[in-house]
Amino acid sequence: MKAKPKKSAKPAPRAPQRKAAPKKTQKDVAPKNEVKEMFMSWFKKHKQVGQIMTKQQVVQEIIKKLDAKQNDALEDAMKELVESGFLEVQEDGVTLILTAKGVERLS
């Protein structure tokens, strides 16, 4: 009688491991809101429809006072203020004009 060959001991197959869903990182909106508030605070001091914040004033009153996170949020903050109708941007892309809706928000 022939001996049966021994089966080699192989580990049991593993069930495929589940990969966790990527965590949704919530973008910190505080810096953006702080920047928006900086703009609106400046306009609150000069509260009148059509008030202009020049490029030089934007630099002096806003940009020079921003920390790194706020600086990253600057473009989004300006975009939201314009989209909401509170401000308009002139052709230079920096000069801001307070709208009637912006004055209402400040009231």
PDB file of N, CA and C in Angstrom:
ATOM      1  N   MET A   1       0.809  -1.163   0.000  1.00  0.00           N
ATOM      2  CA  MET A   1       0.000   0.000   0.000  1.00  0.00           C
ATOM      3  C   MET A   1       0.860   1.236   0.000  1.00  0.00           C
ATOM      4  N   LYS A   2       0.449   2.176  -0.850  1.00  0.00           N
ATOM      5  CA  LYS A   2       1.207   3.401  -0.935  1.00  0.00           C
ATOM      6  C   LYS A   2       0.710   4.392   0.098  1.00  0.00           C
ATOM      7  N   ALA A   3       1.656   5.131   0.631  1.00  0.00           N
ATOM      8  CA  ALA A   3       1.288   6.152   1.616  1.00  0.00           C
ATOM      9  C   ALA A   3       0.764   7.378   0.882  1.00  0.00           C
ATOM     10  N   LYS A   4      -0.275   7.988   1.453  1.00  0.00           N
ATOM     11  CA  LYS A   4      -0.830   9.200   0.852  1.00  0.00           C
ATOM     12  C   LYS A   4       0.106  10.363   1.145  1.00  0.00           C
ATOM     13  N   PRO A   5       0.326  11.210   0.159  1.00  0.00           N
ATOM     14  CA  PRO A   5       1.199  12.362   0.424  1.00  0.00           C
ATOM     15  C   PRO A   5       0.538  13.300   1.437  1.00  0.00           C
ATOM     16  N   LYS A   6       1.374  13.845   2.304  1.00  0.00           N
ATOM     17  CA  LYS A   6       0.848  14.747   3.325  1.00  0.00           C
ATOM     18  C   LYS A   6       0.543  16.102   2.687  1.00  0.00           C
ATOM     19  N   LYS A   7      -0.558  16.664   3.123  1.00  0.00           N
ATOM     20  CA  LYS A   7      -0.914  17.999   2.642  1.00  0.00           C
ATOM     21  C   LYS A   7      -0.113  19.010   3.435  1.00  0.00           C
ATOM     22  N   SER A   8       0.380  19.987   2.731  1.00  0.00           N
ATOM     23  CA  SER A   8       1.136  21.017   3.448  1.00  0.00           C
ATOM     24  C   SER A   8       0.154  21.913   4.200  1.00  0.00           C
ATOM     25  N   ALA A   9       0.582  22.380   5.318  1.00  0.00           N
ATOM     26  CA  ALA A   9      -0.282  23.213   6.160  1.00  0.00           C
ATOM     27  C   ALA A   9      -0.251  24.651   5.644  1.00  0.00           C
ATOM     28  N   LYS A  10      -1.295  25.046   4.966  1.00  0.00           N
ATOM     29  CA  LYS A  10      -1.398  26.412   4.471  1.00  0.00           C
ATOM     30  C   LYS A  10      -2.367  27.169   5.370  1.00  0.00           C
ATOM     31  N   PRO A  11      -2.072  28.418   5.605  1.00  0.00           N
ATOM     32  CA  PRO A  11      -3.002  29.179   6.442  1.00  0.00           C
ATOM     33  C   PRO A  11      -4.329  29.352   5.719  1.00  0.00           C
ATOM     34  N   ALA A  12      -5.368  29.469   6.498  1.00  0.00           N
ATOM     35  CA  ALA A  12      -6.697  29.658   5.931  1.00  0.00           C
ATOM     36  C   ALA A  12      -6.742  30.997   5.208  1.00  0.00           C
ATOM     37  N   PRO A  13      -7.422  31.073   4.107  1.00  0.00           N
ATOM     38  CA  PRO A  13      -7.481  32.344   3.383  1.00  0.00           C
ATOM     39  C   PRO A  13      -8.180  33.410   4.231  1.00  0.00           C
ATOM     40  N   ARG A  14      -7.635  34.607   4.183  1.00  0.00           N
ATOM     41  CA  ARG A  14      -8.205  35.720   4.959  1.00  0.00           C
ATOM     42  C   ARG A  14      -9.326  36.379   4.175  1.00  0.00           C
ATOM     43  N   ALA A  15     -10.255  36.851   4.927  1.00  0.00           N
ATOM     44  CA  ALA A  15     -11.315  37.639   4.299  1.00  0.00           C
ATOM     45  C   ALA A  15     -10.698  38.980   3.898  1.00  0.00           C
ATOM     46  N   PRO A  16     -11.096  39.511   2.793  1.00  0.00           N
ATOM     47  CA  PRO A  16     -10.511  40.797   2.388  1.00  0.00           C
ATOM     48  C   PRO A  16     -10.803  41.867   3.441  1.00  0.00           C
ATOM     49  N   GLN A  17      -9.775  42.648   3.746  1.00  0.00           N
ATOM     50  CA  GLN A  17      -9.958  43.693   4.753  1.00  0.00           C
ATOM     51  C   GLN A  17     -10.667  44.868   4.130  1.00  0.00           C
ATOM     52  N   ARG A  18     -11.566  45.422   4.895  1.00  0.00           N
ATOM     53  CA  ARG A  18     -12.283  46.602   4.433  1.00  0.00           C
ATOM     54  C   ARG A  18     -11.412  47.829   4.621  1.00  0.00           C
ATOM     55  N   LYS A  19     -11.457  48.641   3.657  1.00  0.00           N
ATOM     56  CA  LYS A  19     -10.757  49.906   3.797  1.00  0.00           C
ATOM     57  C   LYS A  19     -11.755  50.914   4.341  1.00  0.00           C
ATOM     58  N   ALA A  20     -11.316  51.674   5.308  1.00  0.00           N
ATOM     59  CA  ALA A  20     -12.190  52.686   5.881  1.00  0.00           C
ATOM     60  C   ALA A  20     -12.420  53.776   4.842  1.00  0.00           C
ATOM     61  N   ALA A  21     -13.621  54.299   4.869  1.00  0.00           N
ATOM     62  CA  ALA A  21     -13.930  55.408   3.961  1.00  0.00           C
ATOM     63  C   ALA A  21     -13.030  56.581   4.323  1.00  0.00           C
ATOM     64  N   PRO A  22     -12.585  57.313   3.323  1.00  0.00           N
ATOM     65  CA  PRO A  22     -11.721  58.451   3.640  1.00  0.00           C
ATOM     66  C   PRO A  22     -12.469  59.441   4.518  1.00  0.00           C
ATOM     67  N   LYS A  23     -11.776  59.932   5.508  1.00  0.00           N
ATOM     68  CA  LYS A  23     -12.407  60.875   6.420  1.00  0.00           C
ATOM     69  C   LYS A  23     -12.642  62.187   5.688  1.00  0.00           C
ATOM     70  N   LYS A  24     -13.812  62.706   5.907  1.00  0.00           N
ATOM     71  CA  LYS A  24     -14.118  63.996   5.304  1.00  0.00           C
ATOM     72  C   LYS A  24     -13.502  65.070   6.182  1.00  0.00           C
ATOM     73  N   THR A  25     -12.601  65.792   5.612  1.00  0.00           N
ATOM     74  CA  THR A  25     -11.981  66.858   6.380  1.00  0.00           C
ATOM     75  C   THR A  25     -12.843  68.094   6.252  1.00  0.00           C
ATOM     76  N   GLN A  26     -13.232  68.595   7.381  1.00  0.00           N
ATOM     77  CA  GLN A  26     -14.036  69.801   7.364  1.00  0.00           C
ATOM     78  C   GLN A  26     -13.113  70.994   7.274  1.00  0.00           C
ATOM     79  N   LYS A  27     -13.374  71.798   6.290  1.00  0.00           N
ATOM     80  CA  LYS A  27     -12.558  72.972   6.086  1.00  0.00           C
ATOM     81  C   LYS A  27     -12.902  73.974   7.183  1.00  0.00           C
ATOM     82  N   ASP A  28     -11.874  74.527   7.783  1.00  0.00           N
ATOM     83  CA  ASP A  28     -12.068  75.496   8.848  1.00  0.00           C
ATOM     84  C   ASP A  28     -12.596  76.786   8.237  1.00  0.00           C
ATOM     85  N   VAL A  29     -13.844  77.118   8.564  1.00  0.00           N
ATOM     86  CA  VAL A  29     -14.451  78.320   7.996  1.00  0.00           C
ATOM     87  C   VAL A  29     -14.192  79.553   8.847  1.00  0.00           C
ATOM     88  N   ALA A  30     -13.632  79.376  10.024  1.00  0.00           N
ATOM     89  CA  ALA A  30     -13.388  80.524  10.902  1.00  0.00           C
ATOM     90  C   ALA A  30     -12.491  81.577  10.247  1.00  0.00           C
ATOM     91  N   PRO A  31     -11.364  81.206   9.635  1.00  0.00           N
ATOM     92  CA  PRO A  31     -10.529  82.244   9.015  1.00  0.00           C
ATOM     93  C   PRO A  31     -11.265  83.026   7.925  1.00  0.00           C
ATOM     94  N   LYS A  32     -12.068  82.321   7.132  1.00  0.00           N
ATOM     95  CA  LYS A  32     -12.814  82.995   6.064  1.00  0.00           C
ATOM     96  C   LYS A  32     -13.816  83.977   6.670  1.00  0.00           C
ATOM     97  N   ASN A  33     -14.503  83.546   7.711  1.00  0.00           N
ATOM     98  CA  ASN A  33     -15.472  84.427   8.364  1.00  0.00           C
ATOM     99  C   ASN A  33     -14.783  85.623   9.019  1.00  0.00           C
ATOM    100  N   GLU A  34     -13.594  85.406   9.556  1.00  0.00           N
ATOM    101  CA  GLU A  34     -12.834  86.499  10.161  1.00  0.00           C
ATOM    102  C   GLU A  34     -12.450  87.536   9.109  1.00  0.00           C
ATOM    103  N   VAL A  35     -12.040  87.065   7.937  1.00  0.00           N
ATOM    104  CA  VAL A  35     -11.663  87.974   6.853  1.00  0.00           C
ATOM    105  C   VAL A  35     -12.894  88.754   6.380  1.00  0.00           C
ATOM    106  N   LYS A  36     -14.016  88.063   6.225  1.00  0.00           N
ATOM    107  CA  LYS A  36     -15.240  88.739   5.810  1.00  0.00           C
ATOM    108  C   LYS A  36     -15.612  89.820   6.829  1.00  0.00           C
ATOM    109  N   GLU A  37     -15.457  89.493   8.095  1.00  0.00           N
ATOM    110  CA  GLU A  37     -15.771  90.461   9.152  1.00  0.00           C
ATOM    111  C   GLU A  37     -14.821  91.657   9.104  1.00  0.00           C
ATOM    112  N   MET A  38     -13.569  91.424   8.764  1.00  0.00           N
ATOM    113  CA  MET A  38     -12.614  92.525   8.642  1.00  0.00           C
ATOM    114  C   MET A  38     -13.064  93.510   7.551  1.00  0.00           C
ATOM    115  N   PHE A  39     -13.485  92.974   6.422  1.00  0.00           N
ATOM    116  CA  PHE A  39     -13.977  93.834   5.347  1.00  0.00           C
ATOM    117  C   PHE A  39     -15.212  94.606   5.797  1.00  0.00           C
ATOM    118  N   MET A  40     -16.163  93.883   6.385  1.00  0.00           N
ATOM    119  CA  MET A  40     -17.416  94.531   6.759  1.00  0.00           C
ATOM    120  C   MET A  40     -17.209  95.536   7.895  1.00  0.00           C
ATOM    121  N   SER A  41     -16.266  95.294   8.784  1.00  0.00           N
ATOM    122  CA  SER A  41     -15.964  96.257   9.844  1.00  0.00           C
ATOM    123  C   SER A  41     -15.422  97.551   9.256  1.00  0.00           C
ATOM    124  N   TRP A  42     -14.566  97.425   8.245  1.00  0.00           N
ATOM    125  CA  TRP A  42     -14.029  98.629   7.609  1.00  0.00           C
ATOM    126  C   TRP A  42     -15.157  99.417   6.954  1.00  0.00           C
ATOM    127  N   PHE A  43     -16.029  98.704   6.245  1.00  0.00           N
ATOM    128  CA  PHE A  43     -17.134  99.386   5.582  1.00  0.00           C
ATOM    129  C   PHE A  43     -18.130  99.959   6.590  1.00  0.00           C
ATOM    130  N   LYS A  44     -18.237  99.334   7.751  1.00  0.00           N
ATOM    131  CA  LYS A  44     -19.159  99.843   8.776  1.00  0.00           C
ATOM    132  C   LYS A  44     -18.731 101.245   9.221  1.00  0.00           C
ATOM    133  N   LYS A  45     -17.433 101.491   9.278  1.00  0.00           N
ATOM    134  CA  LYS A  45     -16.915 102.809   9.650  1.00  0.00           C
ATOM    135  C   LYS A  45     -17.248 103.847   8.586  1.00  0.00           C
ATOM    136  N   HIS A  46     -17.385 103.410   7.342  1.00  0.00           N
ATOM    137  CA  HIS A  46     -17.592 104.306   6.201  1.00  0.00           C
ATOM    138  C   HIS A  46     -18.919 103.995   5.528  1.00  0.00           C
ATOM    139  N   LYS A  47     -19.924 103.759   6.326  1.00  0.00           N
ATOM    140  CA  LYS A  47     -21.193 103.201   5.881  1.00  0.00           C
ATOM    141  C   LYS A  47     -21.965 104.131   4.936  1.00  0.00           C
ATOM    142  N   GLN A  48     -21.762 103.951   3.654  1.00  0.00           N
ATOM    143  CA  GLN A  48     -22.599 104.618   2.660  1.00  0.00           C
ATOM    144  C   GLN A  48     -22.529 103.830   1.358  1.00  0.00           C
ATOM    145  N   VAL A  49     -23.654 103.802   0.652  1.00  0.00           N
ATOM    146  CA  VAL A  49     -23.717 103.079  -0.607  1.00  0.00           C
ATOM    147  C   VAL A  49     -22.692 103.671  -1.565  1.00  0.00           C
ATOM    148  N   GLY A  50     -21.954 102.815  -2.230  1.00  0.00           N
ATOM    149  CA  GLY A  50     -20.953 103.263  -3.189  1.00  0.00           C
ATOM    150  C   GLY A  50     -19.597 103.553  -2.574  1.00  0.00           C
ATOM    151  N   GLN A  51     -19.469 103.339  -1.254  1.00  0.00           N
ATOM    152  CA  GLN A  51     -18.181 103.559  -0.595  1.00  0.00           C
ATOM    153  C   GLN A  51     -17.136 102.661  -1.243  1.00  0.00           C
ATOM    154  N   ILE A  52     -15.986 103.240  -1.548  1.00  0.00           N
ATOM    155  CA  ILE A  52     -14.934 102.503  -2.244  1.00  0.00           C
ATOM    156  C   ILE A  52     -13.794 102.181  -1.279  1.00  0.00           C
ATOM    157  N   MET A  53     -13.348 100.943  -1.312  1.00  0.00           N
ATOM    158  CA  MET A  53     -12.149 100.508  -0.596  1.00  0.00           C
ATOM    159  C   MET A  53     -11.104 100.260  -1.676  1.00  0.00           C
ATOM    160  N   THR A  54     -10.115 101.133  -1.735  1.00  0.00           N
ATOM    161  CA  THR A  54      -9.112 101.057  -2.793  1.00  0.00           C
ATOM    162  C   THR A  54      -8.165  99.884  -2.572  1.00  0.00           C
ATOM    163  N   LYS A  55      -7.397  99.605  -3.604  1.00  0.00           N
ATOM    164  CA  LYS A  55      -6.395  98.538  -3.537  1.00  0.00           C
ATOM    165  C   LYS A  55      -5.431  98.804  -2.382  1.00  0.00           C
ATOM    166  N   GLN A  56      -5.008 100.055  -2.230  1.00  0.00           N
ATOM    167  CA  GLN A  56      -4.090 100.422  -1.161  1.00  0.00           C
ATOM    168  C   GLN A  56      -4.728 100.188   0.211  1.00  0.00           C
ATOM    169  N   GLN A  57      -5.998 100.526   0.351  1.00  0.00           N
ATOM    170  CA  GLN A  57      -6.694 100.302   1.618  1.00  0.00           C
ATOM    171  C   GLN A  57      -6.881  98.819   1.896  1.00  0.00           C
ATOM    172  N   VAL A  58      -7.142  98.038   0.855  1.00  0.00           N
ATOM    173  CA  VAL A  58      -7.273  96.585   1.030  1.00  0.00           C
ATOM    174  C   VAL A  58      -5.967  96.032   1.590  1.00  0.00           C
ATOM    175  N   VAL A  59      -4.856  96.482   1.026  1.00  0.00           N
ATOM    176  CA  VAL A  59      -3.553  96.007   1.491  1.00  0.00           C
ATOM    177  C   VAL A  59      -3.303  96.453   2.931  1.00  0.00           C
ATOM    178  N   GLN A  60      -3.483  97.752   3.210  1.00  0.00           N
ATOM    179  CA  GLN A  60      -3.180  98.289   4.538  1.00  0.00           C
ATOM    180  C   GLN A  60      -4.130  97.779   5.614  1.00  0.00           C
ATOM    181  N   GLU A  61      -5.412  97.754   5.320  1.00  0.00           N
ATOM    182  CA  GLU A  61      -6.420  97.448   6.332  1.00  0.00           C
ATOM    183  C   GLU A  61      -6.726  95.962   6.486  1.00  0.00           C
ATOM    184  N   ILE A  62      -6.465  95.196   5.448  1.00  0.00           N
ATOM    185  CA  ILE A  62      -6.827  93.771   5.497  1.00  0.00           C
ATOM    186  C   ILE A  62      -5.603  92.875   5.344  1.00  0.00           C
ATOM    187  N   ILE A  63      -4.974  92.917   4.193  1.00  0.00           N
ATOM    188  CA  ILE A  63      -3.937  91.936   3.849  1.00  0.00           C
ATOM    189  C   ILE A  63      -2.770  91.947   4.834  1.00  0.00           C
ATOM    190  N   LYS A  64      -2.322  93.120   5.250  1.00  0.00           N
ATOM    191  CA  LYS A  64      -1.192  93.180   6.182  1.00  0.00           C
ATOM    192  C   LYS A  64      -1.527  92.614   7.558  1.00  0.00           C
ATOM    193  N   LYS A  65      -2.795  92.495   7.885  1.00  0.00           N
ATOM    194  CA  LYS A  65      -3.221  92.030   9.208  1.00  0.00           C
ATOM    195  C   LYS A  65      -3.585  90.549   9.234  1.00  0.00           C
ATOM    196  N   LEU A  66      -3.495  89.881   8.100  1.00  0.00           N
ATOM    197  CA  LEU A  66      -3.917  88.480   8.019  1.00  0.00           C
ATOM    198  C   LEU A  66      -2.840  87.526   8.500  1.00  0.00           C
ATOM    199  N   ASP A  67      -3.288  86.458   9.192  1.00  0.00           N
ATOM    200  CA  ASP A  67      -2.355  85.374   9.491  1.00  0.00           C
ATOM    201  C   ASP A  67      -2.392  84.404   8.305  1.00  0.00           C
ATOM    202  N   ALA A  68      -1.640  83.338   8.370  1.00  0.00           N
ATOM    203  CA  ALA A  68      -1.511  82.415   7.231  1.00  0.00           C
ATOM    204  C   ALA A  68      -2.854  81.794   6.834  1.00  0.00           C
ATOM    205  N   LYS A  69      -3.639  81.353   7.803  1.00  0.00           N
ATOM    206  CA  LYS A  69      -4.925  80.726   7.481  1.00  0.00           C
ATOM    207  C   LYS A  69      -5.889  81.742   6.878  1.00  0.00           C
ATOM    208  N   GLN A  70      -5.887  82.949   7.433  1.00  0.00           N
ATOM    209  CA  GLN A  70      -6.762  83.988   6.900  1.00  0.00           C
ATOM    210  C   GLN A  70      -6.337  84.368   5.490  1.00  0.00           C
ATOM    211  N   ASN A  71      -5.038  84.412   5.255  1.00  0.00           N
ATOM    212  CA  ASN A  71      -4.534  84.745   3.923  1.00  0.00           C
ATOM    213  C   ASN A  71      -4.999  83.708   2.899  1.00  0.00           C
ATOM    214  N   ASP A  72      -4.989  82.442   3.300  1.00  0.00           N
ATOM    215  CA  ASP A  72      -5.469  81.380   2.414  1.00  0.00           C
ATOM    216  C   ASP A  72      -6.963  81.522   2.124  1.00  0.00           C
ATOM    217  N   ALA A  73      -7.705  82.086   3.077  1.00  0.00           N
ATOM    218  CA  ALA A  73      -9.158  82.218   2.953  1.00  0.00           C
ATOM    219  C   ALA A  73      -9.584  83.536   2.305  1.00  0.00           C
ATOM    220  N   LEU A  74      -8.645  84.424   2.029  1.00  0.00           N
ATOM    221  CA  LEU A  74      -8.959  85.763   1.517  1.00  0.00           C
ATOM    222  C   LEU A  74      -9.796  85.721   0.241  1.00  0.00           C
ATOM    223  N   GLU A  75      -9.360  84.952  -0.725  1.00  0.00           N
ATOM    224  CA  GLU A  75     -10.057  84.907  -2.014  1.00  0.00           C
ATOM    225  C   GLU A  75     -11.489  84.398  -1.851  1.00  0.00           C
ATOM    226  N   ASP A  76     -11.661  83.326  -1.055  1.00  0.00           N
ATOM    227  CA  ASP A  76     -12.996  82.774  -0.835  1.00  0.00           C
ATOM    228  C   ASP A  76     -13.890  83.774  -0.105  1.00  0.00           C
ATOM    229  N   ALA A  77     -13.325  84.477   0.857  1.00  0.00           N
ATOM    230  CA  ALA A  77     -14.099  85.457   1.621  1.00  0.00           C
ATOM    231  C   ALA A  77     -14.596  86.579   0.708  1.00  0.00           C
ATOM    232  N   MET A  78     -13.700  87.101  -0.123  1.00  0.00           N
ATOM    233  CA  MET A  78     -14.090  88.161  -1.054  1.00  0.00           C
ATOM    234  C   MET A  78     -15.152  87.649  -2.031  1.00  0.00           C
ATOM    235  N   LYS A  79     -14.961  86.441  -2.505  1.00  0.00           N
ATOM    236  CA  LYS A  79     -15.902  85.853  -3.457  1.00  0.00           C
ATOM    237  C   LYS A  79     -17.294  85.739  -2.837  1.00  0.00           C
ATOM    238  N   GLU A  80     -17.365  85.295  -1.579  1.00  0.00           N
ATOM    239  CA  GLU A  80     -18.658  85.151  -0.906  1.00  0.00           C
ATOM    240  C   GLU A  80     -19.335  86.500  -0.695  1.00  0.00           C
ATOM    241  N   LEU A  81     -18.561  87.522  -0.326  1.00  0.00           N
ATOM    242  CA  LEU A  81     -19.136  88.855  -0.130  1.00  0.00           C
ATOM    243  C   LEU A  81     -19.686  89.416  -1.433  1.00  0.00           C
ATOM    244  N   VAL A  82     -19.003  89.142  -2.530  1.00  0.00           N
ATOM    245  CA  VAL A  82     -19.466  89.611  -3.836  1.00  0.00           C
ATOM    246  C   VAL A  82     -20.696  88.814  -4.272  1.00  0.00           C
ATOM    247  N   GLU A  83     -20.641  87.472  -4.134  1.00  0.00           N
ATOM    248  CA  GLU A  83     -21.765  86.625  -4.544  1.00  0.00           C
ATOM    249  C   GLU A  83     -23.022  86.912  -3.733  1.00  0.00           C
ATOM    250  N   SER A  84     -22.848  87.307  -2.477  1.00  0.00           N
ATOM    251  CA  SER A  84     -24.005  87.613  -1.637  1.00  0.00           C
ATOM    252  C   SER A  84     -24.569  88.999  -1.939  1.00  0.00           C
ATOM    253  N   GLY A  85     -23.849  89.768  -2.751  1.00  0.00           N
ATOM    254  CA  GLY A  85     -24.347  91.076  -3.157  1.00  0.00           C
ATOM    255  C   GLY A  85     -23.976  92.207  -2.216  1.00  0.00           C
ATOM    256  N   PHE A  86     -23.123  91.948  -1.230  1.00  0.00           N
ATOM    257  CA  PHE A  86     -22.734  92.990  -0.274  1.00  0.00           C
ATOM    258  C   PHE A  86     -21.679  93.927  -0.854  1.00  0.00           C
ATOM    259  N   LEU A  87     -20.826  93.396  -1.722  1.00  0.00           N
ATOM    260  CA  LEU A  87     -19.755  94.174  -2.320  1.00  0.00           C
ATOM    261  C   LEU A  87     -19.702  93.917  -3.819  1.00  0.00           C
ATOM    262  N   GLU A  88     -19.135  94.871  -4.520  1.00  0.00           N
ATOM    263  CA  GLU A  88     -18.820  94.692  -5.937  1.00  0.00           C
ATOM    264  C   GLU A  88     -17.319  94.892  -6.088  1.00  0.00           C
ATOM    265  N   VAL A  89     -16.744  94.231  -7.075  1.00  0.00           N
ATOM    266  CA  VAL A  89     -15.311  94.361  -7.342  1.00  0.00           C
ATOM    267  C   VAL A  89     -15.143  95.097  -8.668  1.00  0.00           C
ATOM    268  N   GLN A  90     -14.262  96.105  -8.672  1.00  0.00           N
ATOM    269  CA  GLN A  90     -13.995  96.815  -9.920  1.00  0.00           C
ATOM    270  C   GLN A  90     -13.104  95.963 -10.815  1.00  0.00           C
ATOM    271  N   GLU A  91     -12.874  96.439 -12.019  1.00  0.00           N
ATOM    272  CA  GLU A  91     -12.143  95.679 -13.032  1.00  0.00           C
ATOM    273  C   GLU A  91     -10.731  95.292 -12.608  1.00  0.00           C
ATOM    274  N   ASP A  92     -10.116  96.064 -11.688  1.00  0.00           N
ATOM    275  CA  ASP A  92      -8.752  95.725 -11.256  1.00  0.00           C
ATOM    276  C   ASP A  92      -8.712  94.470 -10.399  1.00  0.00           C
ATOM    277  N   GLY A  93      -9.891  94.004  -9.957  1.00  0.00           N
ATOM    278  CA  GLY A  93      -9.978  92.777  -9.170  1.00  0.00           C
ATOM    279  C   GLY A  93      -9.704  92.961  -7.695  1.00  0.00           C
ATOM    280  N   VAL A  94      -9.421  94.191  -7.260  1.00  0.00           N
ATOM    281  CA  VAL A  94      -9.107  94.423  -5.855  1.00  0.00           C
ATOM    282  C   VAL A  94      -9.974  95.529  -5.241  1.00  0.00           C
ATOM    283  N   THR A  95     -10.229  96.587  -5.987  1.00  0.00           N
ATOM    284  CA  THR A  95     -11.003  97.706  -5.467  1.00  0.00           C
ATOM    285  C   THR A  95     -12.436  97.248  -5.216  1.00  0.00           C
ATOM    286  N   LEU A  96     -12.929  97.502  -4.001  1.00  0.00           N
ATOM    287  CA  LEU A  96     -14.247  97.032  -3.589  1.00  0.00           C
ATOM    288  C   LEU A  96     -15.209  98.196  -3.417  1.00  0.00           C
ATOM    289  N   ILE A  97     -16.470  97.963  -3.737  1.00  0.00           N
ATOM    290  CA  ILE A  97     -17.508  98.978  -3.593  1.00  0.00           C
ATOM    291  C   ILE A  97     -18.633  98.389  -2.758  1.00  0.00           C
ATOM    292  N   LEU A  98     -19.070  99.130  -1.745  1.00  0.00           N
ATOM    293  CA  LEU A  98     -20.166  98.705  -0.880  1.00  0.00           C
ATOM    294  C   LEU A  98     -21.481  98.925  -1.600  1.00  0.00           C
ATOM    295  N   THR A  99     -22.313  97.906  -1.637  1.00  0.00           N
ATOM    296  CA  THR A  99     -23.612  97.993  -2.306  1.00  0.00           C
ATOM    297  C   THR A  99     -24.693  98.379  -1.311  1.00  0.00           C
ATOM    298  N   ALA A 100     -25.887  98.664  -1.838  1.00  0.00           N
ATOM    299  CA  ALA A 100     -27.028  98.989  -0.978  1.00  0.00           C
ATOM    300  C   ALA A 100     -27.350  97.793  -0.060  1.00  0.00           C
ATOM    301  N   LYS A 101     -27.233  96.591  -0.599  1.00  0.00           N
ATOM    302  CA  LYS A 101     -27.484  95.384   0.206  1.00  0.00           C
ATOM    303  C   LYS A 101     -26.447  95.267   1.318  1.00  0.00           C
ATOM    304  N   GLY A 102     -25.207  95.673   1.026  1.00  0.00           N
ATOM    305  CA  GLY A 102     -24.160  95.668   2.046  1.00  0.00           C
ATOM    306  C   GLY A 102     -24.458  96.652   3.156  1.00  0.00           C
ATOM    307  N   VAL A 103     -24.971  97.826   2.801  1.00  0.00           N
ATOM    308  CA  VAL A 103     -25.333  98.818   3.815  1.00  0.00           C
ATOM    309  C   VAL A 103     -26.456  98.279   4.695  1.00  0.00           C
ATOM    310  N   GLU A 104     -27.426  97.600   4.078  1.00  0.00           N
ATOM    311  CA  GLU A 104     -28.533  96.996   4.848  1.00  0.00           C
ATOM    312  C   GLU A 104     -27.989  95.974   5.835  1.00  0.00           C
ATOM    313  N   ARG A 105     -27.025  95.184   5.409  1.00  0.00           N
ATOM    314  CA  ARG A 105     -26.440  94.163   6.297  1.00  0.00           C
ATOM    315  C   ARG A 105     -25.745  94.816   7.490  1.00  0.00           C
ATOM    316  N   LEU A 106     -25.132  95.963   7.256  1.00  0.00           N
ATOM    317  CA  LEU A 106     -24.412  96.659   8.321  1.00  0.00           C
ATOM    318  C   LEU A 106     -25.361  97.345   9.307  1.00  0.00           C
ATOM    319  N   SER A 107     -26.605  97.572   8.883  1.00  0.00           N
ATOM    320  CA  SER A 107     -27.556  98.279   9.750  1.00  0.00           C
ATOM    321  C   SER A 107     -28.084  97.405  10.838  1.00  0.00           C
TER     322      SER A 107
END
